[in-house]
């Protein structure tokens, strides 16, 4: 379940020198090789545990497959569209970014673009360099009193909004995640998109590139806009349909556009770039000394913190792991995995619907990491892929296993208990219950058979069920262990249910031939926790 120890990190794009310095100071070996070809990257990545990129390196499924030891991909920047996140998740590779590193630089560039559109600054500067003095040609507009539509109200969108309010602009916006109450605190009135289009003098986009945002501004939406609307895209190429934008510019429906990003970079079709009312830059949103230093520093610190077990930040596909690094949660994750493994053996299948129930106030937020832990335990031993909290739920879904969570603050035995974890296979009588004492995961219940003294789920363990009428299995067990030269570390037996009793035996090592004991019991599992 661990992500593994990080030792060697490849930096495949140009980054501030502080990135390498921080990684090496954290005890990691660093290989810095920007500008690699695809074949060179496939060779270099084979023995690396970590990969750090900006936007140039394309981390495809092929690259991830070639990276036999890879545990983490760090994107020094915000967007991760150059990383195949789904393929990384499937392989159990964590993807992290630095969402705050270039926010100010991108916001400031956007504000500069809005000012440049309003006063045609780049065109006027180019005209001067040609020896002209054409004051009448470059008649601009004031921003004061104009309406700016901000689509996407995350870090960058809100920074743009607050800065442009200083110019007297009215800011309206849309974001499916940020609530209207929150956006009102930084001066943005949220409206449905259909009400935004006709109200705006300027529109700026600050969303990720998703299927739902691709072509957000298109022929249909441009037709609903105020004639002469000005458009800014410093987010991701493709959010503004480039063909529709060119048609709107030619018809006058769009009065001007400022673009820092393109669907294809660099753009081969130059019609949009060469249009007189278009201001364009070669993807400079994060190209400031401060942003590059900040992004390099942040991603290096995040990877060092991960390598040293200090913590996890900036996760894109492993939110469950962010809490998994806390010392108090690690034994619960171990318990969740152990109970999942035990339930799979008791229920004799790793398919169907599994219910994870957390009991106790201390576990109120624990479902986020215990659900993937249980899923990993259910699937352990049945898949070729390495299981981690990153890929467990995806692989569980593909294997026909659905794991859901519920919570109750009530604990059956509140005194001396941090909480209980109950895992059941729906539609069957199979259920296992456990808890944690200190840092030790404990088993309390199998199918209603209760252990008065909870049994530790640590190391090699024999778990078996025998008929109470058969008499004690201890003599047989003692003989078996003596023959195998294995020491008995602990022994716990449950209450009797339906004439049967469960036993959990902690051992110093595995038993090579347990057949003698197996003949006397109805259920038998030898597990390693």
Protein backbone atom coordinates (compact mmCIF):
# COMPACT_ATOMS: atom_id res chain seq x y z
CA UNK A 1 0.00 0.00 0.00
CA UNK A 2 2.93 2.38 0.41
CA UNK A 3 3.94 4.55 -2.48
CA UNK A 4 7.47 3.32 -2.05
CA UNK A 5 10.69 5.07 -1.20
CA UNK A 6 11.74 7.84 -3.56
CA UNK A 7 15.40 7.85 -4.48
CA UNK A 8 15.90 9.20 -7.99
CA UNK A 9 14.04 12.08 -9.66
CA UNK A 10 14.20 13.13 -13.31
CA UNK A 11 13.64 16.81 -14.21
CA UNK A 12 12.77 16.81 -17.93
CA UNK A 13 11.92 20.52 -18.46
CA UNK A 14 13.81 23.72 -17.67
CA UNK A 15 13.24 24.73 -14.06
CA UNK A 16 14.70 27.21 -11.62
CA UNK A 17 17.95 25.86 -10.07
CA UNK A 18 16.34 25.99 -6.62
CA UNK A 19 14.24 22.94 -7.58
CA UNK A 20 17.29 20.69 -7.91
CA UNK A 21 18.92 22.20 -4.83
CA UNK A 22 15.90 21.48 -2.62
CA UNK A 23 15.56 17.92 -3.93
CA UNK A 24 19.22 17.14 -3.32
CA UNK A 25 19.14 18.73 0.12
CA UNK A 26 16.22 16.40 0.87
CA UNK A 27 18.39 13.36 0.11
CA UNK A 28 17.19 12.64 -3.42
CA UNK A 29 19.36 11.95 -6.44
CA UNK A 30 18.48 14.25 -9.32
CA UNK A 31 18.93 13.78 -13.04
CA UNK A 32 18.25 17.04 -14.90
CA UNK A 33 17.77 16.60 -18.67
CA UNK A 34 15.48 19.17 -20.30
CA UNK A 35 14.57 18.92 -23.98
CA UNK A 36 14.55 15.11 -24.26
CA UNK A 37 13.08 13.50 -27.36
CA UNK A 38 10.30 10.95 -26.86
CA UNK A 39 12.69 7.99 -27.23
CA UNK A 40 15.24 9.59 -24.90
CA UNK A 41 12.54 10.19 -22.28
CA UNK A 42 11.42 6.55 -22.51
CA UNK A 43 14.99 5.44 -21.79
CA UNK A 44 15.72 7.95 -19.03
CA UNK A 45 12.52 7.35 -17.07
CA UNK A 46 12.94 3.59 -16.63
CA UNK A 47 14.80 3.67 -13.31
CA UNK A 48 13.37 6.90 -11.87
CA UNK A 49 10.98 7.10 -8.93
CA UNK A 50 9.87 10.67 -9.62
CA UNK A 51 9.42 12.91 -12.67
CA UNK A 52 9.14 16.71 -12.61
CA UNK A 53 7.85 18.55 -15.68
CA UNK A 54 6.53 21.91 -16.77
CA UNK A 55 4.30 21.95 -19.86
CA UNK A 56 6.74 20.82 -22.57
CA UNK A 57 7.11 17.17 -21.55
CA UNK A 58 4.13 15.00 -22.49
CA UNK A 59 3.64 12.34 -19.84
CA UNK A 60 1.70 9.84 -21.93
CA UNK A 61 0.49 6.33 -21.11
CA UNK A 62 3.52 5.03 -23.03
CA UNK A 63 5.89 7.03 -20.85
CA UNK A 64 4.15 5.85 -17.69
CA UNK A 65 4.31 2.23 -18.86
CA UNK A 66 8.05 2.54 -19.50
CA UNK A 67 8.60 4.01 -16.03
CA UNK A 68 8.89 0.78 -14.06
CA UNK A 69 9.64 2.43 -10.70
CA UNK A 70 7.73 5.69 -11.06
CA UNK A 71 5.76 6.77 -7.99
CA UNK A 72 5.05 10.46 -8.60
CA UNK A 73 4.77 12.99 -11.42
CA UNK A 74 5.20 16.58 -10.28
CA UNK A 75 3.89 19.36 -12.54
CA UNK A 76 5.60 22.66 -11.76
CA UNK A 77 2.53 24.73 -12.57
CA UNK A 78 -1.24 24.49 -12.50
CA UNK A 79 -2.59 22.64 -15.55
CA UNK A 80 -1.97 18.92 -15.95
CA UNK A 81 -3.32 18.45 -19.48
CA UNK A 82 0.17 17.31 -20.58
CA UNK A 83 -0.11 14.39 -18.12
CA UNK A 84 -2.31 11.35 -18.78
CA UNK A 85 -3.82 11.42 -15.29
CA UNK A 86 -6.06 8.40 -15.91
CA UNK A 87 -3.12 6.23 -17.02
CA UNK A 88 -1.12 7.45 -14.02
CA UNK A 89 -3.99 6.61 -11.67
CA UNK A 90 -4.35 3.14 -13.14
CA UNK A 91 -0.66 2.47 -12.47
CA UNK A 92 -0.86 3.90 -8.96
CA UNK A 93 1.33 6.89 -9.82
CA UNK A 94 0.54 10.05 -7.90
CA UNK A 95 0.17 13.26 -9.90
CA UNK A 96 0.72 16.55 -8.10
CA UNK A 97 0.85 20.19 -9.21
CA UNK A 98 1.55 23.62 -7.75
CA UNK A 99 -1.83 25.35 -8.08
CA UNK A 100 -0.71 28.59 -6.43
CA UNK A 101 2.77 28.91 -7.93
CA UNK A 102 1.95 30.92 -11.05
CA UNK A 103 -1.45 32.36 -10.09
CA UNK A 104 -0.25 35.95 -9.63
CA UNK A 105 1.81 35.94 -12.82
CA UNK A 106 -1.09 34.57 -14.88
CA UNK A 107 -3.49 37.06 -13.31
CA UNK A 108 -1.18 40.00 -13.98
CA UNK A 109 -0.73 38.95 -17.63
CA UNK A 110 -4.51 38.75 -18.02
CA UNK A 111 -4.91 42.26 -16.62
CA UNK A 112 -2.21 43.47 -19.00
CA UNK A 113 -4.07 41.86 -21.89
CA UNK A 114 -7.32 43.62 -20.92
CA UNK A 115 -5.51 46.99 -20.78
CA UNK A 116 -3.79 46.29 -24.09
CA UNK A 117 -7.11 45.48 -25.77
CA UNK A 118 -8.77 48.60 -24.38
CA UNK A 119 -6.00 50.95 -25.61
CA UNK A 120 -4.48 48.91 -28.49
CA UNK A 121 -1.06 49.30 -26.90
CA UNK A 122 0.80 46.57 -28.88
CA UNK A 123 -0.55 47.81 -32.21
CA UNK A 124 0.34 51.42 -31.40
CA UNK A 125 3.85 50.38 -30.31
CA UNK A 126 4.35 48.40 -33.56
CA UNK A 127 3.16 51.40 -35.57
CA UNK A 128 5.68 53.66 -33.86
CA UNK A 129 8.49 51.22 -34.66
CA UNK A 130 7.46 51.51 -38.31
CA UNK A 131 8.08 55.27 -38.11
CA UNK A 132 4.41 56.27 -38.04
CA UNK A 133 2.57 58.77 -35.84
CA UNK A 134 -1.07 57.65 -36.24
CA UNK A 135 -3.02 58.99 -33.26
CA UNK A 136 -6.48 58.73 -34.85
CA UNK A 137 -6.12 55.05 -35.80
CA UNK A 138 -5.69 53.84 -32.22
CA UNK A 139 -8.75 55.29 -30.52
CA UNK A 140 -9.33 53.24 -27.36
CA UNK A 141 -11.84 52.95 -24.56
CA UNK A 142 -11.85 53.48 -20.81
CA UNK A 143 -12.28 50.47 -18.57
CA UNK A 144 -14.15 52.46 -15.92
CA UNK A 145 -17.81 51.49 -15.96
CA UNK A 146 -17.30 48.55 -18.32
CA UNK A 147 -18.45 45.02 -17.43
CA UNK A 148 -15.96 42.17 -17.19
CA UNK A 149 -17.20 38.58 -17.29
CA UNK A 150 -14.89 36.18 -15.45
CA UNK A 151 -15.52 32.53 -16.32
CA UNK A 152 -13.85 30.45 -13.63
CA UNK A 153 -13.48 31.99 -10.17
CA UNK A 154 -10.58 30.00 -8.75
CA UNK A 155 -7.31 31.55 -7.64
CA UNK A 156 -6.48 33.27 -10.94
CA UNK A 157 -10.04 34.35 -11.76
CA UNK A 158 -10.54 36.05 -8.42
CA UNK A 159 -7.13 37.79 -8.60
CA UNK A 160 -8.07 39.19 -12.03
CA UNK A 161 -11.48 40.31 -10.77
CA UNK A 162 -10.16 42.20 -7.74
CA UNK A 163 -7.44 43.93 -9.79
CA UNK A 164 -9.81 45.04 -12.54
CA UNK A 165 -12.28 46.35 -9.95
CA UNK A 166 -9.56 48.90 -9.13
CA UNK A 167 -10.07 50.27 -12.67
CA UNK A 168 -13.77 50.75 -11.98
CA UNK A 169 -14.93 47.67 -13.86
CA UNK A 170 -18.10 45.84 -12.83
CA UNK A 171 -17.24 42.14 -12.42
CA UNK A 172 -19.72 39.35 -13.04
CA UNK A 173 -18.85 35.69 -13.36
CA UNK A 174 -19.65 32.01 -13.40
CA UNK A 175 -18.18 29.00 -11.60
CA UNK A 176 -19.94 25.66 -11.02
CA UNK A 177 -17.99 25.02 -7.78
CA UNK A 178 -17.54 28.42 -6.08
CA UNK A 179 -20.79 29.50 -4.40
CA UNK A 180 -22.35 32.91 -5.13
CA UNK A 181 -21.90 33.79 -1.45
CA UNK A 182 -18.15 33.18 -1.65
CA UNK A 183 -17.70 35.06 -4.94
CA UNK A 184 -19.64 38.01 -3.50
CA UNK A 185 -16.90 38.38 -0.87
CA UNK A 186 -14.43 39.36 -3.61
CA UNK A 187 -16.88 41.49 -5.56
CA UNK A 188 -18.11 39.15 -8.28
CA UNK A 189 -21.82 38.70 -8.92
CA UNK A 190 -22.46 35.15 -10.15
CA UNK A 191 -24.95 34.67 -12.97
CA UNK A 192 -25.95 31.83 -15.31
CA UNK A 193 -23.90 31.78 -18.51
CA UNK A 194 -26.94 32.72 -20.58
CA UNK A 195 -27.20 35.99 -18.63
CA UNK A 196 -23.46 36.69 -18.79
CA UNK A 197 -23.01 36.67 -22.60
CA UNK A 198 -25.14 39.76 -23.45
CA UNK A 199 -23.90 41.87 -20.52
CA UNK A 200 -20.14 41.82 -21.02
CA UNK A 201 -17.80 44.33 -22.65
CA UNK A 202 -14.89 41.99 -21.85
CA UNK A 203 -14.82 38.23 -21.19
CA UNK A 204 -11.84 36.40 -19.67
CA UNK A 205 -11.68 32.63 -19.16
CA UNK A 206 -9.93 30.90 -16.23
CA UNK A 207 -11.14 27.30 -16.30
CA UNK A 208 -9.27 24.02 -16.80
CA UNK A 209 -9.58 22.40 -20.23
CA UNK A 210 -12.28 19.76 -19.76
CA UNK A 211 -14.88 18.26 -22.10
CA UNK A 212 -17.40 20.64 -20.51
CA UNK A 213 -15.21 23.73 -21.13
CA UNK A 214 -13.84 22.88 -24.58
CA UNK A 215 -15.34 25.40 -27.00
CA UNK A 216 -17.02 27.31 -24.17
CA UNK A 217 -16.95 30.36 -26.42
CA UNK A 218 -18.23 29.22 -29.81
CA UNK A 219 -20.38 30.43 -32.72
CA UNK A 220 -23.54 30.10 -30.62
CA UNK A 221 -22.23 31.95 -27.58
CA UNK A 222 -20.55 34.69 -29.63
CA UNK A 223 -23.94 35.34 -31.27
CA UNK A 224 -25.42 35.98 -27.80
CA UNK A 225 -22.68 38.44 -26.83
CA UNK A 226 -22.75 42.22 -27.05
CA UNK A 227 -21.42 43.31 -30.46
CA UNK A 228 -17.74 44.22 -30.24
CA UNK A 229 -17.08 42.12 -27.12
CA UNK A 230 -13.40 41.73 -26.23
CA UNK A 231 -12.12 38.24 -25.31
CA UNK A 232 -9.08 37.17 -23.29
CA UNK A 233 -7.73 33.61 -22.95
CA UNK A 234 -4.68 33.13 -20.76
CA UNK A 235 -5.91 29.76 -19.46
CA UNK A 236 -5.86 26.85 -21.93
CA UNK A 237 -6.04 26.64 -25.71
CA UNK A 238 -9.36 25.17 -26.82
CA UNK A 239 -11.59 26.87 -24.25
CA UNK A 240 -12.25 29.48 -26.94
CA UNK A 241 -13.13 27.86 -30.28
CA UNK A 242 -10.45 29.39 -32.52
CA UNK A 243 -12.47 29.02 -35.73
CA UNK A 244 -15.52 30.66 -34.14
CA UNK A 245 -13.32 33.46 -32.73
CA UNK A 246 -11.86 34.20 -36.17
CA UNK A 247 -15.33 34.33 -37.71
CA UNK A 248 -16.54 36.66 -34.93
CA UNK A 249 -13.52 38.95 -35.42
CA UNK A 250 -14.09 39.14 -39.18
CA UNK A 251 -17.78 39.96 -38.73
CA UNK A 252 -17.14 42.53 -35.99
CA UNK A 253 -19.16 40.55 -33.43
CA UNK A 254 -15.89 40.28 -31.50
CA UNK A 255 -14.00 43.57 -31.34
CA UNK A 256 -10.67 42.13 -30.25
CA UNK A 257 -8.99 39.15 -28.64
CA UNK A 258 -5.90 38.65 -26.49
CA UNK A 259 -4.52 35.11 -26.56
CA UNK A 260 -1.67 33.60 -24.58
CA UNK A 261 -2.64 30.01 -25.36
CA UNK A 262 -3.63 28.04 -28.45
CA UNK A 263 -5.09 24.67 -29.32
CA UNK A 264 -1.83 23.82 -31.05
CA UNK A 265 1.35 25.37 -29.70
CA UNK A 266 3.01 26.94 -31.55
CA UNK A 267 0.00 27.56 -33.83
CA UNK A 268 0.55 26.47 -37.44
CA UNK A 269 -2.51 28.29 -38.74
CA UNK A 270 -1.50 31.95 -38.49
CA UNK A 271 -4.83 33.57 -39.53
CA UNK A 272 -5.83 34.25 -35.93
CA UNK A 273 -2.39 35.47 -34.82
CA UNK A 274 -2.11 37.76 -37.86
CA UNK A 275 -5.55 39.35 -37.44
CA UNK A 276 -5.07 43.08 -36.70
CA UNK A 277 -7.41 42.97 -33.69
CA UNK A 278 -5.63 40.07 -32.03
CA UNK A 279 -2.89 40.39 -29.43
CA UNK A 280 -0.98 37.18 -28.95
CA UNK A 281 1.84 35.87 -26.75
CA UNK A 282 3.73 32.55 -26.80
CA UNK A 283 2.17 31.09 -23.62
CA UNK A 284 3.80 33.49 -21.15
CA UNK A 285 1.31 33.17 -18.28
CA UNK A 286 3.84 31.61 -15.93
CA UNK A 287 6.92 33.15 -17.53
CA UNK A 288 8.12 35.40 -14.75
CA UNK A 289 11.20 34.89 -12.64
CA UNK A 290 9.05 34.91 -9.53
CA UNK A 291 6.58 32.29 -10.81
CA UNK A 292 9.30 29.97 -12.07
CA UNK A 293 11.16 30.17 -8.79
CA UNK A 294 7.95 29.68 -6.82
CA UNK A 295 6.75 26.69 -8.89
CA UNK A 296 10.16 25.01 -8.82
CA UNK A 297 10.47 25.56 -5.09
CA UNK A 298 6.92 24.35 -4.33
CA UNK A 299 7.07 21.14 -6.40
CA UNK A 300 10.49 20.26 -4.95
CA UNK A 301 9.26 20.79 -1.39
CA UNK A 302 6.13 18.73 -2.07
CA UNK A 303 8.18 15.80 -3.39
CA UNK A 304 10.69 15.97 -0.53
CA UNK A 305 7.81 16.04 1.98
CA UNK A 306 6.31 13.00 0.29
CA UNK A 307 9.66 11.16 0.23
CA UNK A 308 10.25 11.81 3.93
CA UNK A 309 6.66 11.01 4.96
CA UNK A 310 6.17 14.54 6.25
CA UNK A 311 3.01 15.21 4.28
CA UNK A 312 1.34 15.50 0.91
CA UNK A 313 0.11 18.60 -0.92
CA UNK A 314 -1.06 19.49 -4.40
CA UNK A 315 -2.43 16.03 -5.21
CA UNK A 316 -4.44 15.79 -8.42
CA UNK A 317 -5.43 12.11 -8.38
CA UNK A 318 -4.71 10.98 -4.82
CA UNK A 319 -6.74 13.15 -2.47
CA UNK A 320 -7.13 10.13 -0.18
CA UNK A 321 -3.37 10.12 0.31
CA UNK A 322 -3.21 13.67 1.61
CA UNK A 323 -4.61 12.47 4.94
CA UNK A 324 -2.84 9.12 4.79
CA UNK A 325 0.46 10.73 5.76
CA UNK A 326 -0.82 11.88 9.16
CA UNK A 327 0.57 9.58 11.90
CA UNK A 328 -2.86 9.06 13.46
CA UNK A 329 -4.41 7.85 10.19
CA UNK A 330 -1.75 5.31 9.12
CA UNK A 331 -2.90 2.50 11.47
CA UNK A 332 -6.50 3.04 10.33
CA UNK A 333 -5.42 2.64 6.72
CA UNK A 334 -3.60 -0.56 7.70
CA UNK A 335 -6.78 -1.72 9.45
CA UNK A 336 -8.95 -0.89 6.43
CA UNK A 337 -6.67 -2.87 4.12
CA UNK A 338 -6.56 -5.80 6.56
CA UNK A 339 -10.34 -5.90 6.98
CA UNK A 340 -10.78 -5.76 3.19
CA UNK A 341 -8.41 -8.72 2.78
CA UNK A 342 -10.15 -10.65 5.55
CA UNK A 343 -13.63 -9.96 4.13
CA UNK A 344 -12.51 -11.16 0.70
CA UNK A 345 -11.38 -14.46 2.27
CA UNK A 346 -14.44 -14.85 4.48
CA UNK A 347 -16.84 -13.96 1.66
CA UNK A 348 -14.82 -15.88 -0.93
CA UNK A 349 -15.17 -13.16 -3.55
CA UNK A 350 -13.89 -9.74 -4.50
CA UNK A 351 -16.98 -8.55 -6.36
CA UNK A 352 -20.28 -7.00 -5.41
CA UNK A 353 -21.15 -4.12 -3.08
CA UNK A 354 -19.06 -3.50 0.00
CA UNK A 355 -20.28 -1.15 2.71
CA UNK A 356 -17.68 0.68 4.82
CA UNK A 357 -19.13 2.14 8.01
CA UNK A 358 -17.05 4.38 10.25
CA UNK A 359 -18.22 4.75 13.85
CA UNK A 360 -17.16 7.54 16.19
CA UNK A 361 -16.54 11.30 15.92
CA UNK A 362 -12.81 10.80 15.33
CA UNK A 363 -13.57 8.97 12.04
CA UNK A 364 -16.04 11.50 10.69
CA UNK A 365 -13.79 12.41 7.73
CA UNK A 366 -12.04 9.03 7.46
CA UNK A 367 -14.13 7.61 4.62
CA UNK A 368 -11.97 9.41 2.03
CA UNK A 369 -8.98 7.21 2.80
CA UNK A 370 -10.60 4.12 4.33
CA UNK A 371 -12.76 3.36 1.28
CA UNK A 372 -9.74 3.00 -1.07
CA UNK A 373 -7.86 1.13 1.68
CA UNK A 374 -10.67 -1.43 1.98
CA UNK A 375 -10.88 -1.69 -1.83
CA UNK A 376 -7.14 -2.38 -2.01
CA UNK A 377 -7.48 -5.09 0.62
CA UNK A 378 -10.37 -6.71 -1.24
CA UNK A 379 -8.36 -6.80 -4.47
CA UNK A 380 -4.97 -7.76 -2.99
CA UNK A 381 -3.50 -10.87 -4.58
CA UNK A 382 -6.02 -10.96 -7.41
CA UNK A 383 -4.52 -8.35 -9.74
CA UNK A 384 -1.22 -7.94 -11.55
CA UNK A 385 -1.16 -4.18 -11.01
CA UNK A 386 0.40 -2.79 -7.85
CA UNK A 387 -2.34 -1.53 -5.56
CA UNK A 388 -2.14 1.86 -3.85
CA UNK A 389 -4.66 4.33 -2.51
CA UNK A 390 -4.25 6.13 -5.84
CA UNK A 391 -5.56 3.36 -8.10
CA UNK A 392 -7.58 1.11 -5.76
CA UNK A 393 -11.03 2.56 -6.52
CA UNK A 394 -10.47 2.64 -10.29
CA UNK A 395 -9.30 -0.97 -10.36
CA UNK A 396 -12.10 -2.00 -7.99
CA UNK A 397 -14.70 -0.52 -10.31
CA UNK A 398 -13.23 -2.38 -13.28
CA UNK A 399 -13.22 -5.62 -11.25
CA UNK A 400 -16.94 -5.28 -10.47
CA UNK A 401 -16.43 -4.14 -6.88
CA UNK A 402 -18.29 -1.11 -5.55
CA UNK A 403 -17.22 0.28 -2.18
CA UNK A 404 -19.38 2.92 -0.48
CA UNK A 405 -19.16 4.62 2.91
CA UNK A 406 -21.48 5.66 5.71
CA UNK A 407 -20.75 7.21 9.10
CA UNK A 408 -22.26 7.35 12.57
CA UNK A 409 -20.89 9.29 15.53
CA UNK A 410 -22.13 6.60 17.92
CA UNK A 411 -19.65 3.94 19.04
CA UNK A 412 -20.93 0.68 20.64
CA UNK A 413 -18.20 0.90 23.31
CA UNK A 414 -17.19 4.59 23.52
CA UNK A 415 -14.86 4.29 26.50
CA UNK A 416 -11.24 3.72 25.52
CA UNK A 417 -12.05 3.53 21.82
CA UNK A 418 -11.10 5.99 19.08
CA UNK A 419 -13.80 4.48 16.89
CA UNK A 420 -14.78 1.36 15.00
CA UNK A 421 -14.52 0.35 11.36
CA UNK A 422 -17.16 -2.04 10.06
CA UNK A 423 -16.90 -3.61 6.59
CA UNK A 424 -19.66 -5.80 5.18
CA UNK A 425 -20.41 -7.58 1.92
CA UNK A 426 -23.96 -6.55 1.07
CA UNK A 427 -26.46 -9.30 0.37
CA UNK A 428 -24.46 -11.75 2.52
CA UNK A 429 -24.02 -12.33 6.27
CA UNK A 430 -20.32 -11.58 6.00
CA UNK A 431 -19.06 -8.69 8.14
CA UNK A 432 -15.80 -7.82 9.88
CA UNK A 433 -15.27 -5.12 12.50
CA UNK A 434 -12.04 -3.64 13.80
CA UNK A 435 -10.51 -0.76 15.71
CA UNK A 436 -7.10 0.73 16.43
CA UNK A 437 -5.32 0.81 19.76
CA UNK A 438 -2.25 3.05 19.73
CA UNK A 439 -0.74 2.12 16.37
CA UNK A 440 -2.03 -1.49 16.30
CA UNK A 441 -4.99 -2.54 14.10
CA UNK A 442 -7.30 -4.93 15.99
CA UNK A 443 -10.06 -7.34 14.93
CA UNK A 444 -13.21 -7.25 17.07
CA UNK A 445 -15.80 -9.25 15.16
CA UNK A 446 -16.17 -11.77 12.31
CA UNK A 447 -19.75 -12.45 11.16
CA UNK A 448 -21.09 -11.61 14.64
CA UNK A 449 -18.52 -13.70 16.52
CA UNK A 450 -17.02 -11.23 18.98
CA UNK A 451 -13.47 -11.26 20.33
CA UNK A 452 -13.62 -10.13 23.95
CA UNK A 453 -9.93 -9.35 23.66
CA UNK A 454 -9.52 -7.86 20.16
CA UNK A 455 -6.98 -9.70 18.01
CA UNK A 456 -3.97 -7.84 16.49
CA UNK A 457 -3.81 -7.94 12.70
CA UNK A 458 -0.02 -7.66 12.44
CA UNK A 459 2.52 -9.83 10.62
CA UNK A 460 1.81 -13.46 9.67
CA UNK A 461 -1.60 -14.50 11.01
CA UNK A 462 -3.61 -17.73 10.93
CA UNK A 463 -7.37 -17.19 11.04
CA UNK A 464 -9.64 -20.20 11.20
CA UNK A 465 -13.13 -21.25 12.22
CA UNK A 466 -13.85 -24.58 13.94
CA UNK A 467 -16.92 -26.29 15.35
CA UNK A 468 -17.08 -25.82 19.12
CA UNK A 469 -18.12 -29.48 19.49
CA UNK A 470 -14.78 -30.62 18.01
CA UNK A 471 -12.92 -29.57 21.15
CA UNK A 472 -9.82 -27.43 21.38
CA UNK A 473 -7.62 -27.04 18.32
CA UNK A 474 -4.71 -25.82 20.43
CA UNK A 475 -2.88 -29.18 20.66
CA UNK A 476 -2.99 -29.58 16.88
CA UNK A 477 -1.89 -25.97 16.43
CA UNK A 478 1.00 -26.39 18.90
CA UNK A 479 2.23 -29.50 17.11
CA UNK A 480 1.99 -27.78 13.74
CA UNK A 481 4.02 -24.79 14.91
CA UNK A 482 6.65 -26.93 16.59
CA UNK A 483 7.12 -28.91 13.40
CA UNK A 484 7.44 -25.69 11.37
CA UNK A 485 9.71 -24.09 13.99
CA UNK A 486 7.36 -21.10 14.15
CA UNK A 487 6.66 -19.32 17.43
CA UNK A 488 3.18 -18.50 18.69
CA UNK A 489 3.04 -14.71 19.24
CA UNK A 490 -0.62 -14.36 20.23
CA UNK A 491 -3.84 -16.35 20.37
CA UNK A 492 -7.38 -14.96 20.46
CA UNK A 493 -10.68 -16.81 20.21
CA UNK A 494 -14.17 -15.44 19.62
CA UNK A 495 -17.56 -16.12 21.12
CA UNK A 496 -19.45 -19.09 19.73
CA UNK A 497 -22.01 -18.35 17.03
CA UNK A 498 -24.12 -21.11 15.44
CA UNK A 499 -21.90 -23.70 17.06
CA UNK A 500 -18.69 -22.30 15.56
CA UNK A 501 -15.79 -20.31 16.97
CA UNK A 502 -13.16 -18.18 15.22
CA UNK A 503 -9.49 -18.09 16.23
CA UNK A 504 -6.80 -15.57 15.29
CA UNK A 505 -3.21 -16.71 15.78
CA UNK A 506 -0.24 -14.34 15.50
CA UNK A 507 2.94 -16.06 14.32
CA UNK A 508 6.65 -15.33 14.06
CA UNK A 509 6.68 -16.57 10.46
CA UNK A 510 4.61 -18.38 7.83
CA UNK A 511 3.66 -22.04 8.14
CA UNK A 512 4.78 -24.08 5.15
CA UNK A 513 2.29 -26.97 5.50
CA UNK A 514 -0.85 -26.19 7.56
CA UNK A 515 -2.82 -29.19 6.18
CA UNK A 516 -2.94 -30.96 9.56
CA UNK A 517 -4.87 -28.04 11.07
CA UNK A 518 -6.94 -27.42 7.96
CA UNK A 519 -8.49 -30.90 8.26
CA UNK A 520 -9.98 -30.00 11.66
CA UNK A 521 -11.54 -26.63 10.77
CA UNK A 522 -14.32 -25.30 8.53
CA UNK A 523 -12.55 -22.11 7.41
CA UNK A 524 -8.84 -21.41 7.21
CA UNK A 525 -6.78 -18.42 6.01
CA UNK A 526 -3.10 -17.68 6.34
CA UNK A 527 -2.62 -13.95 5.82
CA UNK A 528 0.26 -11.52 6.04
CA UNK A 529 -0.62 -8.04 7.34
